[in-house]
């Protein structure tokens, strides 16, 4: 959950920033146990698989990494869409690992890393970064019709 400042977002000159819509991007890790043949296990209930899941989690190597809970959640008909001239806020969250969200072909007009709204946001940032259990907020105004790719630019995970 990200709670925005009561008096709104401010730029580096303490001027109010307005926006047309907000997109939420949750970066999720899944730790699914495998059997002796490498196949994913299934259980009657989450509680039945709890011990096996804890063993996988302790290895800190997720079996699946997705945005918003499932593969394809932000592509095709589910893509984040904005009109030319619209300003969007993208709230990016990752609970377990450091992340480097990046717009390929775009940037953040303003970027607030780690929810630090008291600090002036940097202007025109290609990359926002966030430590585990923190969030990044970026503002972006679409200057022209185009397709942008939104990725985790953490090259270790690419």
C-alpha atoms as a PDB file:
ATOM      1  CA  UNK A   1       0.000   0.000   0.000  1.00  0.00           C
ATOM      2  CA  UNK A   2       1.293   3.447  -0.870  1.00  0.00           C
ATOM      3  CA  UNK A   3      -0.224   6.423   0.907  1.00  0.00           C
ATOM      4  CA  UNK A   4       0.247   9.657  -1.023  1.00  0.00           C
ATOM      5  CA  UNK A   5       0.878  12.937   0.811  1.00  0.00           C
ATOM      6  CA  UNK A   6      -2.285  14.598   2.110  1.00  0.00           C
ATOM      7  CA  UNK A   7      -1.474  17.837   0.264  1.00  0.00           C
ATOM      8  CA  UNK A   8      -0.643  16.053  -3.005  1.00  0.00           C
ATOM      9  CA  UNK A   9       2.547  15.361  -4.898  1.00  0.00           C
ATOM     10  CA  UNK A  10       5.049  18.179  -5.395  1.00  0.00           C
ATOM     11  CA  UNK A  11       7.818  18.642  -7.939  1.00  0.00           C
ATOM     12  CA  UNK A  12      11.359  19.806  -7.205  1.00  0.00           C
ATOM     13  CA  UNK A  13      10.048  23.417  -6.933  1.00  0.00           C
ATOM     14  CA  UNK A  14       7.281  22.453  -4.446  1.00  0.00           C
ATOM     15  CA  UNK A  15       4.623  22.973  -7.135  1.00  0.00           C
ATOM     16  CA  UNK A  16       1.648  20.616  -7.215  1.00  0.00           C
ATOM     17  CA  UNK A  17       1.728  17.791  -9.734  1.00  0.00           C
ATOM     18  CA  UNK A  18      -1.522  16.616 -11.268  1.00  0.00           C
ATOM     19  CA  UNK A  19      -2.197  13.309 -12.988  1.00  0.00           C
ATOM     20  CA  UNK A  20      -4.982  11.692 -14.974  1.00  0.00           C
ATOM     21  CA  UNK A  21      -4.747   8.075 -13.835  1.00  0.00           C
ATOM     22  CA  UNK A  22      -2.780   5.682 -11.666  1.00  0.00           C
ATOM     23  CA  UNK A  23      -1.411   2.274 -12.650  1.00  0.00           C
ATOM     24  CA  UNK A  24      -0.354  -0.243 -10.035  1.00  0.00           C
ATOM     25  CA  UNK A  25       2.386  -2.745 -10.887  1.00  0.00           C
ATOM     26  CA  UNK A  26       3.020  -5.385  -8.259  1.00  0.00           C
ATOM     27  CA  UNK A  27       6.079  -7.518  -8.904  1.00  0.00           C
ATOM     28  CA  UNK A  28       5.358 -10.940  -7.418  1.00  0.00           C
ATOM     29  CA  UNK A  29       7.525 -13.965  -6.624  1.00  0.00           C
ATOM     30  CA  UNK A  30       6.180 -17.492  -6.379  1.00  0.00           C
ATOM     31  CA  UNK A  31       7.976 -20.389  -4.762  1.00  0.00           C
ATOM     32  CA  UNK A  32       6.394 -23.623  -5.996  1.00  0.00           C
ATOM     33  CA  UNK A  33       7.829 -26.952  -4.765  1.00  0.00           C
ATOM     34  CA  UNK A  34       8.814 -29.599  -7.315  1.00  0.00           C
ATOM     35  CA  UNK A  35       8.758 -33.365  -7.048  1.00  0.00           C
ATOM     36  CA  UNK A  36      11.746 -35.675  -7.667  1.00  0.00           C
ATOM     37  CA  UNK A  37      11.071 -35.512 -11.455  1.00  0.00           C
ATOM     38  CA  UNK A  38      11.097 -31.708 -11.572  1.00  0.00           C
ATOM     39  CA  UNK A  39       7.316 -31.365 -11.930  1.00  0.00           C
ATOM     40  CA  UNK A  40       5.478 -28.791  -9.847  1.00  0.00           C
ATOM     41  CA  UNK A  41       3.644 -30.283  -6.904  1.00  0.00           C
ATOM     42  CA  UNK A  42      -0.007 -29.641  -6.152  1.00  0.00           C
ATOM     43  CA  UNK A  43      -1.790 -29.848  -2.814  1.00  0.00           C
ATOM     44  CA  UNK A  44      -5.363 -30.054  -1.599  1.00  0.00           C
ATOM     45  CA  UNK A  45      -4.870 -26.821   0.340  1.00  0.00           C
ATOM     46  CA  UNK A  46      -2.149 -24.223   0.852  1.00  0.00           C
ATOM     47  CA  UNK A  47      -1.676 -25.536   4.376  1.00  0.00           C
ATOM     48  CA  UNK A  48      -0.898 -29.027   3.086  1.00  0.00           C
ATOM     49  CA  UNK A  49       2.068 -27.706   1.103  1.00  0.00           C
ATOM     50  CA  UNK A  50       3.305 -25.245   3.702  1.00  0.00           C
ATOM     51  CA  UNK A  51       6.439 -27.148   4.776  1.00  0.00           C
ATOM     52  CA  UNK A  52       7.508 -27.796   1.170  1.00  0.00           C
ATOM     53  CA  UNK A  53       6.905 -24.156   0.218  1.00  0.00           C
ATOM     54  CA  UNK A  54       8.989 -22.917   3.147  1.00  0.00           C
ATOM     55  CA  UNK A  55      11.920 -25.054   1.975  1.00  0.00           C
ATOM     56  CA  UNK A  56      11.743 -23.470  -1.496  1.00  0.00           C
ATOM     57  CA  UNK A  57      11.378 -19.958  -0.049  1.00  0.00           C
ATOM     58  CA  UNK A  58      14.449 -20.377   2.138  1.00  0.00           C
ATOM     59  CA  UNK A  59      16.497 -20.820  -1.043  1.00  0.00           C
ATOM     60  CA  UNK A  60      15.467 -17.271  -2.090  1.00  0.00           C
ATOM     61  CA  UNK A  61      15.203 -18.336  -5.738  1.00  0.00           C
ATOM     62  CA  UNK A  62      11.642 -17.897  -6.992  1.00  0.00           C
ATOM     63  CA  UNK A  63      10.249 -20.407  -9.475  1.00  0.00           C
ATOM     64  CA  UNK A  64       8.070 -17.722 -11.077  1.00  0.00           C
ATOM     65  CA  UNK A  65       8.274 -13.910 -11.259  1.00  0.00           C
ATOM     66  CA  UNK A  66       5.281 -12.034 -12.627  1.00  0.00           C
ATOM     67  CA  UNK A  67       3.650  -8.622 -12.605  1.00  0.00           C
ATOM     68  CA  UNK A  68       0.269  -8.294 -10.873  1.00  0.00           C
ATOM     69  CA  UNK A  69      -0.020 -11.936  -9.899  1.00  0.00           C
ATOM     70  CA  UNK A  70       0.052 -13.739 -13.228  1.00  0.00           C
ATOM     71  CA  UNK A  71       1.761 -13.970 -16.594  1.00  0.00           C
ATOM     72  CA  UNK A  72       0.214 -11.617 -19.168  1.00  0.00           C
ATOM     73  CA  UNK A  73      -1.489  -9.421 -16.577  1.00  0.00           C
ATOM     74  CA  UNK A  74      -0.190  -6.233 -18.240  1.00  0.00           C
ATOM     75  CA  UNK A  75      -0.128  -7.264 -21.912  1.00  0.00           C
ATOM     76  CA  UNK A  76      -2.686  -7.379 -24.728  1.00  0.00           C
ATOM     77  CA  UNK A  77      -6.138  -6.334 -23.544  1.00  0.00           C
ATOM     78  CA  UNK A  78      -4.694  -5.872 -20.041  1.00  0.00           C
ATOM     79  CA  UNK A  79      -2.008  -3.377 -21.122  1.00  0.00           C
ATOM     80  CA  UNK A  80      -1.741  -0.064 -19.282  1.00  0.00           C
ATOM     81  CA  UNK A  81      -3.179   2.488 -21.724  1.00  0.00           C
ATOM     82  CA  UNK A  82      -3.010   6.271 -21.793  1.00  0.00           C
ATOM     83  CA  UNK A  83      -3.839   8.961 -24.334  1.00  0.00           C
ATOM     84  CA  UNK A  84      -1.373  11.488 -25.745  1.00  0.00           C
ATOM     85  CA  UNK A  85      -1.013  14.309 -23.228  1.00  0.00           C
ATOM     86  CA  UNK A  86      -2.242  12.268 -20.271  1.00  0.00           C
ATOM     87  CA  UNK A  87      -0.080  12.090 -17.178  1.00  0.00           C
ATOM     88  CA  UNK A  88      -0.027   8.774 -15.381  1.00  0.00           C
ATOM     89  CA  UNK A  89       1.405   7.690 -12.069  1.00  0.00           C
ATOM     90  CA  UNK A  90       2.928   4.232 -11.969  1.00  0.00           C
ATOM     91  CA  UNK A  91       3.146   2.730  -8.483  1.00  0.00           C
ATOM     92  CA  UNK A  92       5.642  -0.152  -8.549  1.00  0.00           C
ATOM     93  CA  UNK A  93       5.893  -2.512  -5.615  1.00  0.00           C
ATOM     94  CA  UNK A  94       8.150  -5.505  -4.860  1.00  0.00           C
ATOM     95  CA  UNK A  95       7.965  -7.074  -1.426  1.00  0.00           C
ATOM     96  CA  UNK A  96      10.883  -9.504  -1.435  1.00  0.00           C
ATOM     97  CA  UNK A  97      13.815  -8.307  -3.568  1.00  0.00           C
ATOM     98  CA  UNK A  98      15.409  -5.142  -4.873  1.00  0.00           C
ATOM     99  CA  UNK A  99      13.954  -4.057  -8.205  1.00  0.00           C
ATOM    100  CA  UNK A 100      14.799  -1.663 -11.049  1.00  0.00           C
ATOM    101  CA  UNK A 101      11.592  -0.753 -12.932  1.00  0.00           C
ATOM    102  CA  UNK A 102      12.285   0.809 -16.321  1.00  0.00           C
ATOM    103  CA  UNK A 103      10.235   2.128 -19.239  1.00  0.00           C
ATOM    104  CA  UNK A 104      11.955   1.156 -22.480  1.00  0.00           C
ATOM    105  CA  UNK A 105      11.406   4.118 -24.803  1.00  0.00           C
ATOM    106  CA  UNK A 106      10.302   6.435 -22.015  1.00  0.00           C
ATOM    107  CA  UNK A 107      11.293   7.840 -18.665  1.00  0.00           C
ATOM    108  CA  UNK A 108       9.817   9.165 -15.467  1.00  0.00           C
ATOM    109  CA  UNK A 109       9.147  12.895 -15.543  1.00  0.00           C
ATOM    110  CA  UNK A 110       9.424  12.679 -11.765  1.00  0.00           C
ATOM    111  CA  UNK A 111      10.445   9.641  -9.722  1.00  0.00           C
ATOM    112  CA  UNK A 112       9.963   9.124  -6.002  1.00  0.00           C
ATOM    113  CA  UNK A 113      12.030   6.188  -4.833  1.00  0.00           C
ATOM    114  CA  UNK A 114      11.141   4.263  -1.693  1.00  0.00           C
ATOM    115  CA  UNK A 115       8.131   6.452  -0.916  1.00  0.00           C
ATOM    116  CA  UNK A 116      10.280   9.454   0.037  1.00  0.00           C
ATOM    117  CA  UNK A 117       7.780  12.218  -0.662  1.00  0.00           C
ATOM    118  CA  UNK A 118       9.523  14.748   1.605  1.00  0.00           C
ATOM    119  CA  UNK A 119      12.534  14.731  -0.746  1.00  0.00           C
ATOM    120  CA  UNK A 120      12.313  16.626  -4.053  1.00  0.00           C
ATOM    121  CA  UNK A 121      11.861  14.087  -6.871  1.00  0.00           C
ATOM    122  CA  UNK A 122      14.559  13.873  -9.536  1.00  0.00           C
ATOM    123  CA  UNK A 123      13.538  15.008 -13.038  1.00  0.00           C
ATOM    124  CA  UNK A 124      13.623  12.875 -16.190  1.00  0.00           C
ATOM    125  CA  UNK A 125      14.818   9.609 -14.718  1.00  0.00           C
ATOM    126  CA  UNK A 126      15.184   6.501 -16.878  1.00  0.00           C
ATOM    127  CA  UNK A 127      15.288   4.162 -13.935  1.00  0.00           C
ATOM    128  CA  UNK A 128      13.741   4.012 -10.514  1.00  0.00           C
ATOM    129  CA  UNK A 129      15.078   1.605  -7.965  1.00  0.00           C
ATOM    130  CA  UNK A 130      13.642   0.164  -4.838  1.00  0.00           C
ATOM    131  CA  UNK A 131      14.962  -1.914  -2.014  1.00  0.00           C
ATOM    132  CA  UNK A 132      12.918  -4.918  -1.006  1.00  0.00           C
ATOM    133  CA  UNK A 133       9.628  -4.049   0.698  1.00  0.00           C
ATOM    134  CA  UNK A 134       9.645  -0.516  -0.730  1.00  0.00           C
ATOM    135  CA  UNK A 135       7.875   1.149  -3.630  1.00  0.00           C
ATOM    136  CA  UNK A 136       8.710   3.429  -6.526  1.00  0.00           C
ATOM    137  CA  UNK A 137       6.312   6.067  -7.841  1.00  0.00           C
ATOM    138  CA  UNK A 138       6.883   7.667 -11.223  1.00  0.00           C
ATOM    139  CA  UNK A 139       4.974  10.327 -13.113  1.00  0.00           C
ATOM    140  CA  UNK A 140       5.019  10.284 -16.922  1.00  0.00           C
ATOM    141  CA  UNK A 141       3.248  12.429 -19.520  1.00  0.00           C
ATOM    142  CA  UNK A 142       2.800  10.735 -22.896  1.00  0.00           C
ATOM    143  CA  UNK A 143       4.121  13.186 -25.536  1.00  0.00           C
ATOM    144  CA  UNK A 144       3.142  11.065 -28.567  1.00  0.00           C
ATOM    145  CA  UNK A 145       1.379   7.850 -29.488  1.00  0.00           C
ATOM    146  CA  UNK A 146       3.777   4.976 -28.883  1.00  0.00           C
ATOM    147  CA  UNK A 147       4.209   1.573 -27.292  1.00  0.00           C
ATOM    148  CA  UNK A 148       6.456   1.494 -24.248  1.00  0.00           C
ATOM    149  CA  UNK A 149       7.790  -1.621 -22.587  1.00  0.00           C
ATOM    150  CA  UNK A 150       7.767  -1.679 -18.802  1.00  0.00           C
ATOM    151  CA  UNK A 151      10.292  -4.120 -17.351  1.00  0.00           C
ATOM    152  CA  UNK A 152      12.339  -4.963 -14.289  1.00  0.00           C
ATOM    153  CA  UNK A 153      15.763  -3.830 -15.459  1.00  0.00           C
ATOM    154  CA  UNK A 154      17.560  -5.797 -12.750  1.00  0.00           C
ATOM    155  CA  UNK A 155      19.912  -7.576 -15.154  1.00  0.00           C
ATOM    156  CA  UNK A 156      20.587 -10.411 -12.729  1.00  0.00           C
ATOM    157  CA  UNK A 157      16.942 -11.422 -13.150  1.00  0.00           C
ATOM    158  CA  UNK A 158      16.561 -10.582 -16.842  1.00  0.00           C
END
